[in-house]
């Protein structure tokens, strides 16, 4: 008998979960999706190329309307869910659609944090989370001028790069002493900051925003030290929080995110959570790879197969404003040995952390061709004594000499 599967959210995680489910158990579920956005599923990682003008929205669509039709999926676009009735096992949207479920998946993602400084509600103050945000940025960017990005994490730097490509002057404000401090050690951050400066992006670290200036719209910001920076747009990229309010209102266990077990099940046996909104063993992952790993496990459980999610080794492997960057594992470890190669003139930095004859962390800037090899060594925790002296020079040389 076909069961009813309802999914709240239509991001990359539930999209991947459905791909796995349809491959493993086609026809097992009658699937209905509620998407708060008025569109199909798209690759959020590729929003930066859309912002920079290198790609269009059509280029980053993952599942088009034909895919949903071919898989007999009912997709409600622009239908934000406002309530879950666990007793009746129904979901109701803002526009009045009510659907019953046998199994429910909550994949509501995350919400951007907006610093509540004076002026934060002015037109021109934007987050950077979805296609609507990008569209608003591009509208303001038509007038050129200056964009001010608050936050020099991954999203902030990608926004800065895209707006620079659109012809705007860009200033990035960051509270911490170094940029991307969650993904890079200070030496790697310095090298990346230098590369961004060379691309015409101004970065001010150890800077706190006092207020956003303007009457009818954004006109600039004032820092705590009194400095004033004029601008036409302020992009807030200072962090995210789990979008778990819907689950909490329904009485489902919520901590920092929606609490799930190793099968992605919530405190309600009929309801699962997935992706950025989920909290597993005390951790909310804000990256795509852990979400994809969770998606595989959840698809298996929905198909009646045994599979557990035991957590993810967090890794960053991408281009930040055109500069290749990779980090994984415990790269800031105080204990253990560190191997470092730093060629500042060529913009290349490598740092490997070794403990108990295992590779436990790595940071790469510039040359990241061996990133996946290092990540595999970290995840598998294989002994590296035989290749220790050659690891810094890459997989090919290390494996050749170890043969």
Protein backbone atom coordinates (compact mmCIF):
# COMPACT_ATOMS: atom_id res chain seq x y z
CA UNK A 1 0.00 0.00 0.00
CA UNK A 2 1.34 3.44 -0.97
CA UNK A 3 2.12 5.65 2.00
CA UNK A 4 1.86 9.43 2.14
CA UNK A 5 5.20 11.22 2.53
CA UNK A 6 5.06 14.97 3.11
CA UNK A 7 8.18 17.14 3.01
CA UNK A 8 8.38 20.68 4.39
CA UNK A 9 11.12 22.45 2.48
CA UNK A 10 12.52 21.95 -1.02
CA UNK A 11 16.23 22.59 -0.65
CA UNK A 12 19.22 20.51 -1.65
CA UNK A 13 18.98 18.04 1.25
CA UNK A 14 15.40 16.81 0.66
CA UNK A 15 16.06 16.84 -3.08
CA UNK A 16 18.98 14.46 -2.66
CA UNK A 17 16.97 12.35 -0.22
CA UNK A 18 14.21 11.89 -2.79
CA UNK A 19 16.71 10.92 -5.49
CA UNK A 20 18.03 8.19 -3.20
CA UNK A 21 14.53 7.09 -2.17
CA UNK A 22 13.21 6.85 -5.73
CA UNK A 23 16.24 4.80 -6.70
CA UNK A 24 15.92 2.45 -3.73
CA UNK A 25 12.13 2.15 -3.40
CA UNK A 26 10.27 3.61 -6.38
CA UNK A 27 6.52 3.91 -5.90
CA UNK A 28 6.61 3.29 -2.14
CA UNK A 29 5.35 6.78 -1.31
CA UNK A 30 2.91 9.34 -2.60
CA UNK A 31 5.09 12.45 -2.15
CA UNK A 32 3.94 16.02 -1.47
CA UNK A 33 6.37 18.91 -1.00
CA UNK A 34 5.66 22.34 0.47
CA UNK A 35 8.14 24.99 -0.70
CA UNK A 36 8.03 28.46 0.83
CA UNK A 37 9.86 29.79 -2.23
CA UNK A 38 7.81 30.22 -5.45
CA UNK A 39 10.07 27.96 -7.53
CA UNK A 40 11.60 24.53 -8.00
CA UNK A 41 14.70 23.11 -6.32
CA UNK A 42 18.00 24.83 -7.12
CA UNK A 43 21.65 24.65 -6.08
CA UNK A 44 22.15 27.25 -3.34
CA UNK A 45 25.91 26.77 -3.47
CA UNK A 46 25.79 28.25 -6.97
CA UNK A 47 24.08 31.48 -5.90
CA UNK A 48 27.47 33.20 -5.96
CA UNK A 49 27.99 32.65 -9.72
CA UNK A 50 24.45 33.97 -10.26
CA UNK A 51 25.32 37.06 -8.21
CA UNK A 52 28.56 37.57 -10.11
CA UNK A 53 26.81 37.18 -13.47
CA UNK A 54 28.63 33.97 -14.41
CA UNK A 55 25.45 31.87 -14.30
CA UNK A 56 21.68 32.35 -14.53
CA UNK A 57 18.96 30.90 -12.34
CA UNK A 58 18.16 28.35 -15.06
CA UNK A 59 21.75 27.12 -14.90
CA UNK A 60 21.47 26.16 -11.22
CA UNK A 61 18.10 24.37 -11.22
CA UNK A 62 18.49 20.85 -9.83
CA UNK A 63 14.97 19.48 -10.38
CA UNK A 64 12.75 21.13 -12.97
CA UNK A 65 8.97 20.83 -13.21
CA UNK A 66 9.31 17.82 -15.51
CA UNK A 67 11.28 15.93 -12.83
CA UNK A 68 8.50 16.37 -10.27
CA UNK A 69 5.90 15.26 -12.82
CA UNK A 70 7.95 12.23 -13.89
CA UNK A 71 8.26 11.10 -10.26
CA UNK A 72 4.61 11.82 -9.39
CA UNK A 73 5.61 14.44 -6.82
CA UNK A 74 3.11 17.14 -5.90
CA UNK A 75 5.02 20.40 -5.39
CA UNK A 76 3.25 23.33 -3.77
CA UNK A 77 5.29 26.43 -4.64
CA UNK A 78 5.08 29.58 -2.54
CA UNK A 79 3.33 27.57 0.19
CA UNK A 80 4.87 28.28 3.56
CA UNK A 81 3.76 25.76 6.17
CA UNK A 82 2.27 27.37 9.27
CA UNK A 83 1.24 24.35 11.31
CA UNK A 84 1.77 20.65 11.98
CA UNK A 85 -1.08 18.77 13.65
CA UNK A 86 0.60 15.66 15.08
CA UNK A 87 -2.68 14.16 16.37
CA UNK A 88 -4.41 14.34 13.00
CA UNK A 89 -1.11 13.89 11.13
CA UNK A 90 -1.72 16.87 8.86
CA UNK A 91 0.31 19.82 7.59
CA UNK A 92 -1.29 23.18 6.73
CA UNK A 93 0.20 26.01 4.67
CA UNK A 94 -0.24 29.76 4.84
CA UNK A 95 -2.32 29.72 1.66
CA UNK A 96 -4.78 27.19 3.10
CA UNK A 97 -3.56 23.84 1.78
CA UNK A 98 -3.93 20.93 4.23
CA UNK A 99 -2.39 17.54 3.49
CA UNK A 100 -2.29 14.37 5.63
CA UNK A 101 0.85 12.29 6.08
CA UNK A 102 2.03 8.89 7.17
CA UNK A 103 5.64 10.09 7.32
CA UNK A 104 6.72 13.73 7.57
CA UNK A 105 10.16 15.18 6.81
CA UNK A 106 11.01 18.65 8.12
CA UNK A 107 13.73 20.25 6.01
CA UNK A 108 13.19 23.93 6.72
CA UNK A 109 16.89 24.82 6.60
CA UNK A 110 18.19 27.84 8.45
CA UNK A 111 17.47 31.51 8.98
CA UNK A 112 20.05 34.27 8.57
CA UNK A 113 20.93 36.22 11.67
CA UNK A 114 20.34 39.97 11.28
CA UNK A 115 22.27 42.09 13.77
CA UNK A 116 19.62 44.26 15.50
CA UNK A 117 21.65 47.48 15.32
CA UNK A 118 19.86 50.80 14.70
CA UNK A 119 18.93 51.00 11.02
CA UNK A 120 18.82 47.25 10.39
CA UNK A 121 15.31 47.52 8.96
CA UNK A 122 16.20 50.09 6.31
CA UNK A 123 15.63 49.19 2.64
CA UNK A 124 18.96 47.99 1.29
CA UNK A 125 19.83 45.85 4.32
CA UNK A 126 19.86 42.29 2.98
CA UNK A 127 20.66 38.75 4.00
CA UNK A 128 22.31 36.29 1.60
CA UNK A 129 20.41 33.01 1.73
CA UNK A 130 18.23 32.55 -1.34
CA UNK A 131 17.52 33.64 -4.90
CA UNK A 132 15.26 36.50 -3.77
CA UNK A 133 18.19 38.00 -1.82
CA UNK A 134 20.40 37.75 -4.92
CA UNK A 135 17.75 39.41 -7.07
CA UNK A 136 17.54 42.37 -4.66
CA UNK A 137 21.35 42.69 -4.60
CA UNK A 138 21.50 42.75 -8.39
CA UNK A 139 18.84 45.47 -8.54
CA UNK A 140 20.86 47.73 -6.23
CA UNK A 141 24.13 46.81 -7.98
CA UNK A 142 22.81 48.29 -11.24
CA UNK A 143 23.53 51.70 -9.76
CA UNK A 144 27.12 50.63 -8.93
CA UNK A 145 28.13 52.55 -5.77
CA UNK A 146 29.48 50.73 -2.70
CA UNK A 147 28.34 47.55 -1.01
CA UNK A 148 29.17 46.93 2.64
CA UNK A 149 29.29 43.29 3.69
CA UNK A 150 29.16 42.55 7.42
CA UNK A 151 30.84 39.23 8.08
CA UNK A 152 33.93 37.73 6.43
CA UNK A 153 32.87 34.12 6.62
CA UNK A 154 32.29 32.05 3.52
CA UNK A 155 28.96 33.62 2.53
CA UNK A 156 30.15 37.15 3.20
CA UNK A 157 33.23 36.78 1.04
CA UNK A 158 31.23 35.18 -1.76
CA UNK A 159 28.78 38.08 -1.65
CA UNK A 160 31.69 40.52 -1.74
CA UNK A 161 33.22 38.82 -4.76
CA UNK A 162 29.93 38.70 -6.67
CA UNK A 163 29.13 42.36 -6.02
CA UNK A 164 32.65 43.35 -7.03
CA UNK A 165 32.13 41.48 -10.29
CA UNK A 166 28.96 43.52 -10.78
CA UNK A 167 31.01 46.72 -10.72
CA UNK A 168 30.44 47.83 -7.14
CA UNK A 169 33.10 48.99 -4.72
CA UNK A 170 33.06 46.57 -1.78
CA UNK A 171 34.06 46.87 1.87
CA UNK A 172 33.90 43.86 4.17
CA UNK A 173 33.53 44.40 7.93
CA UNK A 174 34.57 41.58 10.24
CA UNK A 175 34.44 41.39 14.03
CA UNK A 176 37.23 38.83 14.45
CA UNK A 177 40.99 39.44 13.91
CA UNK A 178 41.13 37.10 10.89
CA UNK A 179 38.67 36.21 8.13
CA UNK A 180 36.97 32.81 7.81
CA UNK A 181 38.22 31.88 11.28
CA UNK A 182 36.00 28.79 11.38
CA UNK A 183 37.55 27.33 8.23
CA UNK A 184 41.11 28.69 8.20
CA UNK A 185 44.01 29.13 10.60
CA UNK A 186 45.50 32.67 10.89
CA UNK A 187 48.30 32.09 8.33
CA UNK A 188 45.87 30.79 5.70
CA UNK A 189 43.43 33.61 6.46
CA UNK A 190 46.16 36.19 5.98
CA UNK A 191 47.01 34.74 2.57
CA UNK A 192 43.35 34.76 1.49
CA UNK A 193 42.84 38.31 2.73
CA UNK A 194 45.89 39.41 0.74
CA UNK A 195 44.45 37.80 -2.39
CA UNK A 196 41.09 39.51 -1.86
CA UNK A 197 42.77 42.89 -1.37
CA UNK A 198 44.54 42.36 -4.69
CA UNK A 199 41.12 41.81 -6.28
CA UNK A 200 39.99 45.20 -5.03
CA UNK A 201 37.96 44.10 -2.01
CA UNK A 202 38.59 46.18 1.12
CA UNK A 203 38.54 44.22 4.39
CA UNK A 204 38.39 45.75 7.86
CA UNK A 205 38.93 43.25 10.70
CA UNK A 206 38.39 43.73 14.44
CA UNK A 207 35.54 46.08 13.54
CA UNK A 208 32.12 46.22 15.17
CA UNK A 209 29.09 47.86 13.57
CA UNK A 210 27.45 50.51 15.75
CA UNK A 211 24.58 51.46 13.43
CA UNK A 212 23.40 51.57 9.84
CA UNK A 213 23.00 55.08 8.49
CA UNK A 214 20.18 56.42 6.34
CA UNK A 215 16.69 57.89 6.40
CA UNK A 216 14.73 56.33 3.53
CA UNK A 217 17.33 53.72 2.57
CA UNK A 218 20.87 52.60 3.39
CA UNK A 219 23.46 55.38 3.15
CA UNK A 220 26.33 53.74 5.03
CA UNK A 221 27.40 52.40 8.42
CA UNK A 222 29.12 53.74 11.50
CA UNK A 223 31.59 51.54 13.38
CA UNK A 224 32.02 51.48 17.15
CA UNK A 225 35.34 53.34 16.81
CA UNK A 226 33.57 56.22 15.03
CA UNK A 227 34.60 55.47 11.47
CA UNK A 228 31.87 56.07 8.89
CA UNK A 229 31.73 54.12 5.62
CA UNK A 230 29.33 55.34 2.97
CA UNK A 231 27.43 52.71 1.01
CA UNK A 232 24.28 51.86 -0.91
CA UNK A 233 23.73 48.33 0.37
CA UNK A 234 24.49 46.38 3.55
CA UNK A 235 24.69 42.60 3.29
CA UNK A 236 24.46 40.77 6.62
CA UNK A 237 26.41 37.51 6.57
CA UNK A 238 27.09 36.98 10.25
CA UNK A 239 25.69 33.51 10.78
CA UNK A 240 22.63 31.30 10.65
CA UNK A 241 20.33 29.58 13.10
CA UNK A 242 18.22 26.49 12.65
CA UNK A 243 14.72 27.14 11.32
CA UNK A 244 13.13 24.93 13.96
CA UNK A 245 10.24 27.11 15.10
CA UNK A 246 7.60 25.06 13.28
CA UNK A 247 8.76 21.86 14.97
CA UNK A 248 8.91 23.52 18.38
CA UNK A 249 5.34 24.81 18.04
CA UNK A 250 4.24 21.26 17.23
CA UNK A 251 5.79 19.98 20.46
CA UNK A 252 8.72 18.19 18.85
CA UNK A 253 11.98 18.16 20.83
CA UNK A 254 14.17 21.13 19.86
CA UNK A 255 17.50 22.28 21.25
CA UNK A 256 19.70 24.38 18.96
CA UNK A 257 17.99 22.50 16.14
CA UNK A 258 15.37 19.78 15.78
CA UNK A 259 16.80 16.87 17.77
CA UNK A 260 17.20 13.67 15.71
CA UNK A 261 18.61 10.21 16.36
CA UNK A 262 20.99 8.23 14.15
CA UNK A 263 18.12 7.47 11.78
CA UNK A 264 17.19 11.19 11.48
CA UNK A 265 13.99 10.52 13.49
CA UNK A 266 12.67 13.25 15.79
CA UNK A 267 10.95 12.74 19.14
CA UNK A 268 7.85 11.83 17.08
CA UNK A 269 8.29 8.43 15.40
CA UNK A 270 6.41 9.59 12.29
CA UNK A 271 8.48 12.74 11.80
CA UNK A 272 12.06 13.15 10.59
CA UNK A 273 14.30 16.19 10.21
CA UNK A 274 17.09 16.76 7.73
CA UNK A 275 19.79 19.28 6.87
CA UNK A 276 20.51 22.62 8.53
CA UNK A 277 17.42 22.51 10.75
CA UNK A 278 18.43 19.18 12.32
CA UNK A 279 20.59 18.68 15.41
CA UNK A 280 22.41 15.35 15.61
CA UNK A 281 24.41 14.44 18.72
CA UNK A 282 24.45 18.10 19.72
CA UNK A 283 25.67 19.40 16.33
CA UNK A 284 23.85 21.47 13.70
CA UNK A 285 25.74 21.20 10.42
CA UNK A 286 25.55 24.24 8.15
CA UNK A 287 27.20 22.57 5.16
CA UNK A 288 25.92 20.61 2.18
CA UNK A 289 28.02 17.44 2.48
CA UNK A 290 26.70 16.49 5.96
CA UNK A 291 23.17 17.17 4.68
CA UNK A 292 23.76 14.81 1.75
CA UNK A 293 25.08 12.13 4.12
CA UNK A 294 21.97 12.57 6.26
CA UNK A 295 19.81 12.39 3.12
CA UNK A 296 21.24 8.98 2.21
CA UNK A 297 20.52 7.62 5.69
CA UNK A 298 16.98 9.02 5.80
CA UNK A 299 16.16 7.62 2.36
CA UNK A 300 17.31 4.20 3.55
CA UNK A 301 15.12 4.38 6.66
CA UNK A 302 12.07 5.48 4.65
CA UNK A 303 12.71 2.54 2.31
CA UNK A 304 12.82 0.16 5.28
CA UNK A 305 16.58 -0.42 5.22
CA UNK A 306 18.93 -0.25 8.21
CA UNK A 307 21.48 2.55 8.08
CA UNK A 308 22.79 4.92 10.76
CA UNK A 309 24.20 8.42 10.60
CA UNK A 310 27.14 8.75 12.98
CA UNK A 311 28.07 12.36 12.24
CA UNK A 312 30.29 14.02 9.64
CA UNK A 313 33.88 15.13 9.31
CA UNK A 314 33.35 18.76 8.43
CA UNK A 315 35.25 19.91 5.37
CA UNK A 316 35.37 23.04 3.24
CA UNK A 317 36.51 22.59 -0.35
CA UNK A 318 35.65 25.38 -2.77
CA UNK A 319 36.69 28.62 -4.37
CA UNK A 320 36.33 31.74 -2.24
CA UNK A 321 36.24 34.77 -4.49
CA UNK A 322 38.24 32.85 -7.07
CA UNK A 323 40.81 31.49 -4.59
CA UNK A 324 40.85 27.72 -3.95
CA UNK A 325 40.44 26.92 -0.24
CA UNK A 326 40.21 23.65 1.66
CA UNK A 327 40.07 22.72 5.33
CA UNK A 328 39.05 19.58 7.17
CA UNK A 329 39.29 17.94 10.55
CA UNK A 330 40.96 19.38 13.62
CA UNK A 331 43.29 21.82 11.84
CA UNK A 332 43.62 24.11 14.89
CA UNK A 333 44.72 21.29 17.20
CA UNK A 334 46.99 22.41 20.03
CA UNK A 335 48.40 18.90 20.37
CA UNK A 336 50.16 16.81 17.75
CA UNK A 337 52.63 17.78 15.03
CA UNK A 338 52.12 20.28 12.26
CA UNK A 339 53.74 20.26 8.83
CA UNK A 340 53.61 23.64 7.09
CA UNK A 341 54.47 24.86 3.60
CA UNK A 342 53.97 28.58 2.95
CA UNK A 343 54.81 30.26 -0.36
CA UNK A 344 53.37 33.72 0.12
CA UNK A 345 54.63 35.02 -3.21
CA UNK A 346 52.77 32.29 -5.12
CA UNK A 347 49.77 32.40 -2.79
CA UNK A 348 50.13 28.76 -1.73
CA UNK A 349 49.75 27.48 1.83
CA UNK A 350 49.56 23.94 3.19
CA UNK A 351 49.22 22.81 6.77
CA UNK A 352 48.85 19.19 7.87
CA UNK A 353 48.16 18.16 11.47
CA UNK A 354 49.31 14.71 12.60
CA UNK A 355 48.50 12.92 15.86
CA UNK A 356 49.13 9.29 16.81
CA UNK A 357 50.39 8.46 13.31
CA UNK A 358 47.16 9.70 11.74
CA UNK A 359 46.31 12.77 9.69
CA UNK A 360 43.78 14.65 11.81
CA UNK A 361 43.51 18.05 10.09
CA UNK A 362 44.48 19.97 6.98
CA UNK A 363 44.32 23.50 5.55
CA UNK A 364 45.12 24.38 1.93
CA UNK A 365 45.03 27.71 0.12
CA UNK A 366 45.85 28.14 -3.56
CA UNK A 367 46.81 24.56 -4.45
CA UNK A 368 43.99 22.21 -3.45
CA UNK A 369 44.41 19.41 -5.98
CA UNK A 370 45.12 16.85 -3.25
CA UNK A 371 42.28 18.01 -0.99
CA UNK A 372 40.09 14.92 -1.42
CA UNK A 373 43.05 12.64 -0.71
CA UNK A 374 43.79 14.45 2.53
CA UNK A 375 40.09 14.32 3.43
CA UNK A 376 40.03 10.56 2.83
CA UNK A 377 43.10 10.10 5.06
CA UNK A 378 41.39 12.07 7.82
CA UNK A 379 38.09 10.19 7.53
CA UNK A 380 39.60 6.70 7.32
CA UNK A 381 42.25 7.39 10.02
CA UNK A 382 44.78 5.08 8.32
CA UNK A 383 48.40 5.06 9.61
CA UNK A 384 50.56 7.50 7.62
CA UNK A 385 54.06 6.70 8.88
CA UNK A 386 55.13 5.27 5.49
CA UNK A 387 54.17 8.46 3.63
CA UNK A 388 54.70 11.07 6.36
CA UNK A 389 57.81 12.61 4.79
CA UNK A 390 56.18 13.01 1.37
CA UNK A 391 52.56 13.88 2.23
CA UNK A 392 53.14 17.59 1.84
CA UNK A 393 54.12 17.09 -1.81
CA UNK A 394 50.91 15.37 -2.78
CA UNK A 395 49.33 12.00 -3.37
CA UNK A 396 51.25 10.96 -6.49
CA UNK A 397 54.72 11.39 -4.98
CA UNK A 398 53.74 9.94 -1.60
CA UNK A 399 52.19 6.82 -3.09
CA UNK A 400 55.05 6.39 -5.60
CA UNK A 401 57.69 6.42 -2.88
CA UNK A 402 55.63 4.23 -0.58
CA UNK A 403 55.20 1.57 -3.29
